[in-house]
């Protein structure tokens, strides 16, 4: 049986190092998270999953890094979290 899993993707803007840090986190406050990966430009990245998740990794493609940087800085005060529903 295919069961969807809900998890969150988090992006934290690191102003001092001028990069975005992407990670997958569970749905609980202060819960489990995967390792954060630095994103510094337009290319493909793989975000590792976390213990207890059926998602071992998530591949993403950043197409407009400059616009993403500005959106997170101006509209989300440096931290963006969104919910993903993944079927594996």
C-alpha atoms as a PDB file:
ATOM      1  CA  UNK A   1       0.000   0.000   0.000  1.00  0.00           C
ATOM      2  CA  UNK A   2       1.318   3.435  -0.914  1.00  0.00           C
ATOM      3  CA  UNK A   3       1.152   5.804   2.010  1.00  0.00           C
ATOM      4  CA  UNK A   4       1.886   9.521   1.798  1.00  0.00           C
ATOM      5  CA  UNK A   5       4.264  11.029   4.312  1.00  0.00           C
ATOM      6  CA  UNK A   6       4.119  14.628   5.453  1.00  0.00           C
ATOM      7  CA  UNK A   7       7.324  16.415   6.261  1.00  0.00           C
ATOM      8  CA  UNK A   8       8.645  19.939   6.073  1.00  0.00           C
ATOM      9  CA  UNK A   9      11.344  21.554   4.007  1.00  0.00           C
ATOM     10  CA  UNK A  10      13.188  24.392   5.704  1.00  0.00           C
ATOM     11  CA  UNK A  11      15.403  27.060   4.172  1.00  0.00           C
ATOM     12  CA  UNK A  12      17.486  29.287   6.442  1.00  0.00           C
ATOM     13  CA  UNK A  13      19.310  32.271   5.034  1.00  0.00           C
ATOM     14  CA  UNK A  14      22.875  32.530   6.296  1.00  0.00           C
ATOM     15  CA  UNK A  15      23.791  36.175   5.754  1.00  0.00           C
ATOM     16  CA  UNK A  16      27.366  35.954   7.023  1.00  0.00           C
ATOM     17  CA  UNK A  17      28.258  33.094   4.660  1.00  0.00           C
ATOM     18  CA  UNK A  18      25.912  34.299   1.891  1.00  0.00           C
ATOM     19  CA  UNK A  19      24.203  30.967   1.335  1.00  0.00           C
ATOM     20  CA  UNK A  20      20.896  29.233   1.900  1.00  0.00           C
ATOM     21  CA  UNK A  21      20.751  26.125   4.088  1.00  0.00           C
ATOM     22  CA  UNK A  22      18.127  23.561   3.048  1.00  0.00           C
ATOM     23  CA  UNK A  23      16.993  20.679   5.279  1.00  0.00           C
ATOM     24  CA  UNK A  24      14.099  18.267   5.704  1.00  0.00           C
ATOM     25  CA  UNK A  25      12.391  18.197   9.106  1.00  0.00           C
ATOM     26  CA  UNK A  26       9.546  16.202  10.600  1.00  0.00           C
ATOM     27  CA  UNK A  27       6.163  17.662  11.465  1.00  0.00           C
ATOM     28  CA  UNK A  28       6.824  18.010  15.224  1.00  0.00           C
ATOM     29  CA  UNK A  29       8.045  21.233  16.796  1.00  0.00           C
ATOM     30  CA  UNK A  30      11.740  20.767  17.689  1.00  0.00           C
ATOM     31  CA  UNK A  31      11.565  17.328  16.053  1.00  0.00           C
ATOM     32  CA  UNK A  32      13.989  15.315  13.966  1.00  0.00           C
ATOM     33  CA  UNK A  33      15.781  16.897  11.030  1.00  0.00           C
ATOM     34  CA  UNK A  34      18.151  15.813   8.320  1.00  0.00           C
ATOM     35  CA  UNK A  35      21.532  17.371   7.708  1.00  0.00           C
ATOM     36  CA  UNK A  36      21.408  20.891   6.275  1.00  0.00           C
ATOM     37  CA  UNK A  37      23.009  21.361   2.875  1.00  0.00           C
ATOM     38  CA  UNK A  38      24.384  24.663   1.577  1.00  0.00           C
ATOM     39  CA  UNK A  39      22.831  26.062  -1.593  1.00  0.00           C
ATOM     40  CA  UNK A  40      24.844  28.778  -3.299  1.00  0.00           C
ATOM     41  CA  UNK A  41      23.625  29.009  -6.876  1.00  0.00           C
ATOM     42  CA  UNK A  42      21.570  27.677  -9.753  1.00  0.00           C
ATOM     43  CA  UNK A  43      21.983  23.903  -9.951  1.00  0.00           C
ATOM     44  CA  UNK A  44      20.609  20.579  -8.696  1.00  0.00           C
ATOM     45  CA  UNK A  45      20.961  19.622  -5.024  1.00  0.00           C
ATOM     46  CA  UNK A  46      20.130  16.552  -2.932  1.00  0.00           C
ATOM     47  CA  UNK A  47      18.719  17.121   0.546  1.00  0.00           C
ATOM     48  CA  UNK A  48      19.196  14.134   2.901  1.00  0.00           C
ATOM     49  CA  UNK A  49      16.258  12.689   4.805  1.00  0.00           C
ATOM     50  CA  UNK A  50      16.173  12.047   8.556  1.00  0.00           C
ATOM     51  CA  UNK A  51      15.885   9.038  10.868  1.00  0.00           C
ATOM     52  CA  UNK A  52      12.412   7.533  10.900  1.00  0.00           C
ATOM     53  CA  UNK A  53      11.343   8.986   7.553  1.00  0.00           C
ATOM     54  CA  UNK A  54      10.648   6.883   4.479  1.00  0.00           C
ATOM     55  CA  UNK A  55      12.193   9.721   2.461  1.00  0.00           C
ATOM     56  CA  UNK A  56      15.939   9.043   2.280  1.00  0.00           C
ATOM     57  CA  UNK A  57      16.652  12.085   0.119  1.00  0.00           C
ATOM     58  CA  UNK A  58      14.943  14.763  -1.933  1.00  0.00           C
ATOM     59  CA  UNK A  59      16.359  16.162  -5.167  1.00  0.00           C
ATOM     60  CA  UNK A  60      15.645  19.805  -5.946  1.00  0.00           C
ATOM     61  CA  UNK A  61      16.590  22.161  -8.751  1.00  0.00           C
ATOM     62  CA  UNK A  62      17.292  25.838  -8.079  1.00  0.00           C
ATOM     63  CA  UNK A  63      16.637  27.864 -11.236  1.00  0.00           C
ATOM     64  CA  UNK A  64      16.775  31.458  -9.950  1.00  0.00           C
ATOM     65  CA  UNK A  65      18.942  31.628  -6.846  1.00  0.00           C
ATOM     66  CA  UNK A  66      19.028  35.439  -6.735  1.00  0.00           C
ATOM     67  CA  UNK A  67      15.214  35.670  -6.701  1.00  0.00           C
ATOM     68  CA  UNK A  68      14.960  32.908  -4.071  1.00  0.00           C
ATOM     69  CA  UNK A  69      17.515  34.725  -1.877  1.00  0.00           C
ATOM     70  CA  UNK A  70      15.577  38.014  -2.105  1.00  0.00           C
ATOM     71  CA  UNK A  71      12.191  36.356  -1.487  1.00  0.00           C
ATOM     72  CA  UNK A  72      13.418  34.591   1.662  1.00  0.00           C
ATOM     73  CA  UNK A  73      15.090  37.756   2.918  1.00  0.00           C
ATOM     74  CA  UNK A  74      12.231  40.167   2.178  1.00  0.00           C
ATOM     75  CA  UNK A  75       9.095  38.048   2.593  1.00  0.00           C
ATOM     76  CA  UNK A  76      10.114  35.415   5.166  1.00  0.00           C
ATOM     77  CA  UNK A  77      12.636  37.235   7.407  1.00  0.00           C
ATOM     78  CA  UNK A  78      15.374  34.727   6.624  1.00  0.00           C
ATOM     79  CA  UNK A  79      13.533  31.448   7.306  1.00  0.00           C
ATOM     80  CA  UNK A  80      11.069  29.632   5.061  1.00  0.00           C
ATOM     81  CA  UNK A  81       9.293  26.415   6.059  1.00  0.00           C
ATOM     82  CA  UNK A  82       6.781  24.603   3.883  1.00  0.00           C
ATOM     83  CA  UNK A  83       4.933  21.295   4.154  1.00  0.00           C
ATOM     84  CA  UNK A  84       5.534  18.539   1.626  1.00  0.00           C
ATOM     85  CA  UNK A  85       3.310  15.521   1.122  1.00  0.00           C
ATOM     86  CA  UNK A  86       5.390  12.807  -0.485  1.00  0.00           C
ATOM     87  CA  UNK A  87       4.181   9.453  -1.758  1.00  0.00           C
ATOM     88  CA  UNK A  88       6.846   6.748  -1.900  1.00  0.00           C
END
